[in-house]
Protein backbone atom coordinates (compact mmCIF):
# COMPACT_ATOMS: atom_id res chain seq x y z
CA UNK A 1 -23.64 -7.89 49.23
CA UNK A 2 -20.84 -7.79 46.67
CA UNK A 3 -19.29 -4.50 45.68
CA UNK A 4 -17.72 -3.54 42.37
CA UNK A 5 -13.95 -3.30 42.59
CA UNK A 6 -11.79 -0.62 41.01
CA UNK A 7 -8.49 -1.16 39.22
CA UNK A 8 -5.50 1.08 40.04
CA UNK A 9 -6.13 2.82 36.70
CA UNK A 10 -9.74 3.88 37.27
CA UNK A 11 -8.97 7.54 38.18
CA UNK A 12 -6.96 7.84 34.95
CA UNK A 13 -9.77 6.30 32.88
CA UNK A 14 -12.15 8.90 34.23
CA UNK A 15 -9.74 11.73 33.46
CA UNK A 16 -9.41 10.37 29.90
CA UNK A 17 -13.19 10.47 29.49
CA UNK A 18 -13.94 6.75 29.57
CA UNK A 19 -17.48 5.43 29.96
CA UNK A 20 -17.33 2.93 32.80
CA UNK A 21 -19.41 -0.24 33.23
CA UNK A 22 -19.39 -3.15 35.69
CA UNK A 23 -17.62 -6.22 34.30
CA UNK A 24 -16.66 -9.43 36.12
CA UNK A 25 -17.03 -7.63 39.44
CA UNK A 26 -14.90 -4.66 38.36
CA UNK A 27 -15.63 -1.12 37.21
CA UNK A 28 -14.06 -1.04 33.74
CA UNK A 29 -13.94 1.29 30.72
CA UNK A 30 -16.23 0.06 27.93
CA UNK A 31 -15.12 2.82 25.52
CA UNK A 32 -13.40 6.21 25.38
CA UNK A 33 -14.40 7.50 21.94
CA UNK A 34 -16.20 4.74 20.03
CA UNK A 35 -15.83 0.99 19.61
CA UNK A 36 -15.26 1.40 15.87
CA UNK A 37 -12.55 4.00 16.45
CA UNK A 38 -10.75 1.94 19.10
CA UNK A 39 -11.09 -1.30 17.14
CA UNK A 40 -9.59 0.41 14.08
CA UNK A 41 -6.66 1.74 16.06
CA UNK A 42 -5.67 -1.76 17.21
CA UNK A 43 -5.98 -3.17 13.68
CA UNK A 44 -3.94 -0.32 12.13
CA UNK A 45 -1.66 1.25 14.76
CA UNK A 46 -1.84 0.43 18.47
CA UNK A 47 -4.29 0.45 21.36
CA UNK A 48 -3.97 -0.05 25.11
CA UNK A 49 -6.38 -1.90 27.42
CA UNK A 50 -6.53 -1.96 31.21
CA UNK A 51 -6.14 -5.60 32.31
CA UNK A 52 -5.41 -4.85 35.96
CA UNK A 53 -8.57 -6.77 36.88
CA UNK A 54 -6.97 -10.04 35.76
CA UNK A 55 -5.27 -12.25 38.34
CA UNK A 56 -1.62 -13.14 38.81
CA UNK A 57 -0.59 -16.30 40.66
CA UNK A 58 2.99 -17.22 41.55
CA UNK A 59 3.79 -20.94 41.73
CA UNK A 60 7.19 -22.14 42.89
CA UNK A 61 8.89 -25.14 44.43
CA UNK A 62 10.70 -28.35 43.56
CA UNK A 63 7.40 -30.05 42.62
CA UNK A 64 5.80 -27.04 40.92
CA UNK A 65 6.14 -28.33 37.36
CA UNK A 66 4.81 -31.81 38.17
CA UNK A 67 1.91 -30.36 40.15
CA UNK A 68 0.96 -27.88 37.42
CA UNK A 69 1.00 -30.69 34.88
CA UNK A 70 -1.53 -32.60 37.00
CA UNK A 71 -3.65 -29.48 37.49
CA UNK A 72 -3.63 -27.94 33.99
CA UNK A 73 -4.53 -29.45 30.60
CA UNK A 74 -1.52 -28.35 28.52
CA UNK A 75 2.01 -29.73 28.97
CA UNK A 76 3.95 -27.33 31.18
CA UNK A 77 7.07 -29.51 30.80
CA UNK A 78 7.43 -28.22 27.24
CA UNK A 79 8.23 -24.74 28.54
CA UNK A 80 11.74 -23.45 28.98
CA UNK A 81 12.32 -20.53 31.35
CA UNK A 82 11.07 -17.40 29.59
CA UNK A 83 8.29 -19.21 27.71
CA UNK A 84 4.51 -19.36 28.19
CA UNK A 85 1.50 -21.29 26.93
CA UNK A 86 -2.28 -21.11 26.85
CA UNK A 87 -3.93 -23.73 29.04
CA UNK A 88 -7.04 -24.74 30.97
CA UNK A 89 -8.00 -25.38 34.56
CA UNK A 90 -10.54 -28.21 34.31
CA UNK A 91 -13.00 -29.89 36.65
CA UNK A 92 -13.21 -33.67 37.03
CA UNK A 93 -15.70 -33.86 34.13
CA UNK A 94 -13.32 -32.06 31.76
CA UNK A 95 -15.30 -28.82 31.87
CA UNK A 96 -13.45 -25.50 31.77
CA UNK A 97 -13.20 -23.74 35.11
CA UNK A 98 -10.93 -21.14 33.54
CA UNK A 99 -8.62 -20.58 30.60
CA UNK A 100 -5.31 -18.99 31.51
CA UNK A 101 -1.73 -18.44 30.47
CA UNK A 102 1.14 -20.02 32.38
CA UNK A 103 4.68 -18.68 32.02
CA UNK A 104 7.80 -20.43 33.22
CA UNK A 105 10.10 -17.82 34.73
CA UNK A 106 12.77 -20.15 36.17
CA UNK A 107 13.47 -23.85 36.65
CA UNK A 108 10.96 -24.02 39.51
CA UNK A 109 9.03 -20.74 39.20
CA UNK A 110 5.86 -19.95 37.23
CA UNK A 111 3.72 -16.84 36.63
CA UNK A 112 0.04 -17.48 35.88
CA UNK A 113 -2.42 -14.94 34.44
CA UNK A 114 -6.05 -15.88 35.12
CA UNK A 115 -9.43 -14.31 34.34
CA UNK A 116 -10.73 -11.55 36.59
CA UNK A 117 -14.03 -13.16 37.60
CA UNK A 118 -12.29 -16.44 38.41
CA UNK A 119 -9.43 -15.29 40.67
CA UNK A 120 -10.97 -16.53 43.92
CA UNK A 121 -12.48 -19.67 42.33
CA UNK A 122 -9.20 -20.61 40.61
CA UNK A 123 -7.12 -20.01 43.71
CA UNK A 124 -9.45 -22.05 45.93
CA UNK A 125 -9.49 -24.92 43.41
CA UNK A 126 -5.72 -24.94 43.05
CA UNK A 127 -5.19 -24.63 46.80
CA UNK A 128 -7.56 -27.57 47.37
CA UNK A 129 -5.50 -29.75 45.01
CA UNK A 130 -2.09 -28.54 46.21
CA UNK A 131 0.44 -31.32 46.85
CA UNK A 132 4.19 -31.76 47.24
CA UNK A 133 6.82 -29.05 47.57
CA UNK A 134 4.79 -26.28 45.96
CA UNK A 135 4.16 -22.67 46.96
CA UNK A 136 1.04 -20.96 45.55
CA UNK A 137 0.58 -17.21 46.01
CA UNK A 138 -2.12 -14.83 44.80
CA UNK A 139 -0.35 -11.58 43.89
CA UNK A 140 -3.26 -10.08 41.94
CA UNK A 141 -3.62 -7.01 44.16
CA UNK A 142 0.08 -6.16 43.80
CA UNK A 143 0.03 -5.64 40.04
CA UNK A 144 -1.40 -3.16 37.56
CA UNK A 145 -1.67 -4.56 34.05
CA UNK A 146 -2.19 -3.22 30.56
CA UNK A 147 -2.29 -4.88 27.14
CA UNK A 148 -0.73 -2.99 24.24
CA UNK A 149 -1.93 -4.41 20.92
CA UNK A 150 -1.47 -3.51 17.27
CA UNK A 151 1.09 -3.39 14.43
CA UNK A 152 2.98 -0.50 16.05
CA UNK A 153 3.02 -1.94 19.59
CA UNK A 154 6.61 -3.22 19.43
CA UNK A 155 7.90 0.13 18.16
CA UNK A 156 6.16 1.87 21.06
CA UNK A 157 7.80 -0.50 23.55
CA UNK A 158 11.22 0.27 22.07
CA UNK A 159 10.48 3.99 22.37
CA UNK A 160 9.50 3.78 26.05
CA UNK A 161 12.05 1.13 27.07
CA UNK A 162 15.02 1.65 24.71
CA UNK A 163 17.30 -0.60 26.77
CA UNK A 164 14.88 -3.52 27.03
CA UNK A 165 14.15 -6.12 24.34
CA UNK A 166 10.65 -7.55 24.01
CA UNK A 167 10.47 -11.33 24.37
CA UNK A 168 9.46 -13.45 21.35
CA UNK A 169 5.88 -14.62 20.85
CA UNK A 170 4.55 -16.32 24.04
CA UNK A 171 7.64 -15.20 25.93
CA UNK A 172 8.04 -13.39 29.23
CA UNK A 173 10.71 -11.08 30.60
CA UNK A 174 11.05 -9.38 33.99
CA UNK A 175 13.01 -6.13 34.22
CA UNK A 176 13.55 -3.23 36.59
CA UNK A 177 11.56 0.00 36.26
CA UNK A 178 11.09 2.95 38.59
CA UNK A 179 9.09 1.76 41.58
CA UNK A 180 9.99 -1.94 41.24
CA UNK A 181 10.07 -4.72 38.69
CA UNK A 182 7.91 -4.91 35.56
CA UNK A 183 6.88 -7.93 33.52
CA UNK A 184 6.31 -8.00 29.75
CA UNK A 185 4.46 -10.99 28.23
CA UNK A 186 4.29 -11.30 24.43
CA UNK A 187 0.76 -12.59 23.97
CA UNK A 188 -2.58 -10.93 23.34
CA UNK A 189 -6.31 -11.22 22.75
CA UNK A 190 -6.73 -9.37 19.46
CA UNK A 191 -4.81 -11.34 16.82
CA UNK A 192 -2.39 -8.45 16.31
CA UNK A 193 1.17 -8.29 17.58
CA UNK A 194 1.26 -7.09 21.16
CA UNK A 195 2.18 -7.71 24.77
CA UNK A 196 0.96 -7.41 28.33
CA UNK A 197 2.81 -5.07 30.66
CA UNK A 198 2.53 -5.64 34.41
CA UNK A 199 4.00 -3.26 36.96
CA UNK A 200 3.55 -2.44 40.67
CA UNK A 201 -0.05 -1.33 41.24
CA UNK A 202 0.98 2.13 42.42
CA UNK A 203 2.93 2.76 39.20
CA UNK A 204 0.12 1.74 36.85
CA UNK A 205 -1.27 5.21 36.06
CA UNK A 206 2.18 6.51 35.19
CA UNK A 207 2.97 3.75 32.72
CA UNK A 208 -0.50 3.71 31.12
CA UNK A 209 -0.15 7.46 30.58
CA UNK A 210 3.34 6.96 29.12
CA UNK A 211 1.95 4.59 26.49
CA UNK A 212 -0.87 7.02 25.67
CA UNK A 213 1.60 9.89 25.30
CA UNK A 214 3.65 7.67 22.95
CA UNK A 215 0.65 7.55 20.61
CA UNK A 216 -1.22 4.44 21.79
CA UNK A 217 -5.01 4.81 21.82
CA UNK A 218 -6.89 3.95 25.05
CA UNK A 219 -9.42 1.19 24.35
CA UNK A 220 -12.28 -0.32 26.31
CA UNK A 221 -14.11 -3.61 26.69
CA UNK A 222 -16.27 -2.94 23.63
CA UNK A 223 -13.32 -3.01 21.24
CA UNK A 224 -11.76 -5.89 23.13
CA UNK A 225 -14.89 -7.96 22.45
CA UNK A 226 -15.10 -7.17 18.73
CA UNK A 227 -11.37 -7.77 18.24
CA UNK A 228 -11.25 -11.09 20.07
CA UNK A 229 -14.44 -12.41 18.44
CA UNK A 230 -13.15 -11.64 14.94
CA UNK A 231 -10.31 -14.01 15.85
CA UNK A 232 -12.70 -16.55 17.45
CA UNK A 233 -10.85 -16.24 20.76
CA UNK A 234 -13.16 -17.57 23.49
CA UNK A 235 -14.49 -15.56 26.42
CA UNK A 236 -14.65 -17.53 29.66
CA UNK A 237 -18.19 -17.59 30.99
CA UNK A 238 -19.60 -17.23 27.47
CA UNK A 239 -17.77 -19.52 25.06
CA UNK A 240 -16.13 -21.56 27.81
CA UNK A 241 -17.82 -22.94 30.93
CA UNK A 242 -17.66 -25.80 33.44
CA UNK A 243 -20.18 -27.74 31.31
CA UNK A 244 -18.14 -27.45 28.08
CA UNK A 245 -14.83 -29.17 27.36
CA UNK A 246 -11.86 -27.80 25.39
CA UNK A 247 -12.48 -30.56 22.83
CA UNK A 248 -16.05 -29.34 22.21
CA UNK A 249 -14.71 -25.78 22.05
CA UNK A 250 -12.32 -26.77 19.25
CA UNK A 251 -9.32 -26.07 21.48
CA UNK A 252 -7.92 -29.57 21.76
CA UNK A 253 -4.58 -28.30 20.48
CA UNK A 254 -4.03 -26.81 23.96
CA UNK A 255 -4.68 -30.13 25.70
CA UNK A 256 -1.94 -32.78 25.97
CA UNK A 257 -3.58 -36.16 26.48
CA UNK A 258 -0.22 -37.94 26.21
CA UNK A 259 1.59 -36.23 29.08
CA UNK A 260 0.12 -38.40 31.84
CA UNK A 261 -2.79 -38.00 34.20
CA UNK A 262 -4.38 -34.62 34.92
CA UNK A 263 -7.73 -33.47 36.26
CA UNK A 264 -10.45 -34.05 33.64
CA UNK A 265 -8.28 -36.21 31.35
CA UNK A 266 -10.49 -39.31 31.41
CA UNK A 267 -13.49 -37.45 29.99
CA UNK A 268 -11.41 -35.78 27.29
CA UNK A 269 -9.84 -39.06 26.14
CA UNK A 270 -13.30 -40.57 25.74
CA UNK A 271 -14.67 -37.49 23.98
CA UNK A 272 -11.78 -37.32 21.53
CA UNK A 273 -12.14 -41.02 20.71
CA UNK A 274 -15.91 -40.88 20.17
CA UNK A 275 -16.11 -37.31 18.87
CA UNK A 276 -17.90 -34.50 20.72
CA UNK A 277 -21.70 -34.39 20.59
CA UNK A 278 -21.50 -30.65 20.00
CA UNK A 279 -18.90 -28.21 18.73
CA UNK A 280 -18.26 -24.48 19.10
CA UNK A 281 -18.54 -23.07 15.59
CA UNK A 282 -18.19 -19.71 13.88
CA UNK A 283 -21.44 -18.29 12.47
CA UNK A 284 -21.71 -15.39 10.04
CA UNK A 285 -24.69 -13.54 8.60
CA UNK A 286 -25.15 -14.15 4.88
CA UNK A 287 -26.63 -10.66 4.50
CA UNK A 288 -26.91 -7.48 6.53
CA UNK A 289 -28.89 -7.63 9.74
CA UNK A 290 -29.30 -6.40 13.31
CA UNK A 291 -26.20 -7.05 15.48
CA UNK A 292 -26.16 -10.56 16.98
CA UNK A 293 -25.60 -10.87 20.71
CA UNK A 294 -24.84 -13.63 23.21
CA UNK A 295 -27.89 -15.76 24.12
CA UNK A 296 -29.80 -14.97 20.91
CA UNK A 297 -31.44 -18.19 19.65
CA UNK A 298 -29.85 -20.10 16.77
CA UNK A 299 -32.28 -21.93 14.48
CA UNK A 300 -31.77 -24.52 11.77
CA UNK A 301 -33.05 -24.13 8.22
CA UNK A 302 -36.44 -25.57 9.24
CA UNK A 303 -36.90 -22.87 11.89
CA UNK A 304 -36.23 -25.08 14.92
CA UNK A 305 -34.17 -23.68 17.79
CA UNK A 306 -30.97 -25.74 18.02
CA UNK A 307 -28.80 -23.58 20.27
CA UNK A 308 -28.01 -20.00 21.29
CA UNK A 309 -25.10 -17.71 20.55
CA UNK A 310 -22.35 -17.83 23.16
CA UNK A 311 -20.93 -14.58 21.70
CA UNK A 312 -22.03 -12.19 18.97
CA UNK A 313 -21.17 -8.76 17.56
CA UNK A 314 -21.25 -6.70 14.40
CA UNK A 315 -17.70 -7.07 13.06
CA UNK A 316 -16.06 -3.68 12.37
CA UNK A 317 -13.51 -5.32 10.05
CA UNK A 318 -15.93 -7.30 7.88
CA UNK A 319 -19.14 -5.33 8.35
CA UNK A 320 -21.03 -8.57 9.01
CA UNK A 321 -22.83 -10.00 12.00
CA UNK A 322 -20.64 -12.70 13.53
CA UNK A 323 -20.93 -15.04 16.47
CA UNK A 324 -20.10 -18.40 17.97
CA UNK A 325 -22.37 -21.14 19.26
CA UNK A 326 -22.25 -24.76 20.36
CA UNK A 327 -24.14 -26.72 17.73
CA UNK A 328 -25.03 -30.42 17.49
CA UNK A 329 -22.23 -32.18 15.59
CA UNK A 330 -24.53 -32.82 12.60
CA UNK A 331 -24.93 -29.06 12.05
CA UNK A 332 -21.26 -28.07 12.25
CA UNK A 333 -20.24 -28.62 8.63
CA UNK A 334 -18.97 -25.48 6.87
CA UNK A 335 -21.75 -23.79 4.93
CA UNK A 336 -24.60 -25.24 7.02
CA UNK A 337 -27.49 -22.74 6.75
CA UNK A 338 -28.81 -21.28 10.01
CA UNK A 339 -30.94 -18.43 11.28
CA UNK A 340 -30.34 -16.02 14.16
CA UNK A 341 -33.34 -14.76 16.12
CA UNK A 342 -32.81 -11.10 16.99
CA UNK A 343 -35.73 -10.07 19.18
CA UNK A 344 -38.24 -11.93 17.01
CA UNK A 345 -36.66 -11.16 13.62
CA UNK A 346 -34.83 -13.96 11.81
CA UNK A 347 -31.60 -13.28 9.93
CA UNK A 348 -30.02 -15.90 7.63
CA UNK A 349 -26.55 -17.09 8.57
CA UNK A 350 -24.20 -20.01 8.00
CA UNK A 351 -21.36 -21.92 9.61
CA UNK A 352 -17.99 -20.55 8.44
CA UNK A 353 -14.32 -21.30 8.96
CA UNK A 354 -12.53 -19.78 11.96
CA UNK A 355 -11.36 -17.07 12.32
CA UNK A 356 -13.59 -14.40 10.80
CA UNK A 357 -10.62 -12.10 10.23
CA UNK A 358 -6.97 -12.69 9.42
CA UNK A 359 -4.62 -9.89 10.53
CA UNK A 360 -2.15 -8.63 7.98
CA UNK A 361 0.60 -8.33 10.58
CA UNK A 362 2.95 -11.21 11.28
CA UNK A 363 3.97 -11.87 14.88
CA UNK A 364 7.60 -12.24 15.80
């Protein structure tokens, strides 16, 4: 029988009054005050999320780059030390096992951040396909992680670490802190400027508290979901799965079909040439309605069920019901009228351009 795991920050979450829920096998804060409040903080100032549940793999060795390029969909060879990229771990059919970020930290060394629920699956898959002079280590238990997101996030970093410069967008830097080394990665899952901060697990509470005391609002999974969906960022297990390809998900930009062979490439080449049979599209209510949720049926104009939502929320920024769904290619044109079935009530909607929201802040 599986048990729910706790991150190193759980005692602090409880002291801060968080409401905890099980997520991806972990006990995680869903909110502290309210989703609207926390969402607004990230869009206007800065918020902090516990991401200690996510996995960290270390890959090193003379053949590490070549092996990663055969294992992942994006082109790792394009990275210089200090740079990172979004990528996919695919099965032989081109389906997404996991989406992840790979950072190059040296000529032969790489730091991978993978999704929480997929740590064991990813590691087993990568270990199974290991070849050449490559070392693969799962260091997930050694790190505590937090994501600081929002227009004021960089200023907060400068306040806490006055002697350390944040890396540029998609960059990574490792630096010494009390208790060991820390890692700052300039990415994010909200559309705002921000970064991930990883530190030794035992130091996590201290640093999370330091960010809170510097004026950053603690945020839970609820706000994370509304923020990422406004940007149409996919959630693995919902919008991405082993039966869906990155091409169908509209994420072909993060796949390099010209770099040489990699797992799943053959399917993706064929799909790109012929066009996907279905596409992941953005759907928005045309009027007010009950909040859409994942798995709610999507109907065409004639009232026939054509799909289901892979994600759905009431957008705090736009005030509209928004969601994503894989639709047959013929129904993916912008403006296509649809209906969302919310527990037996139908609400009119349409296919719209991604993303739903455009942040005012510009990333460095």
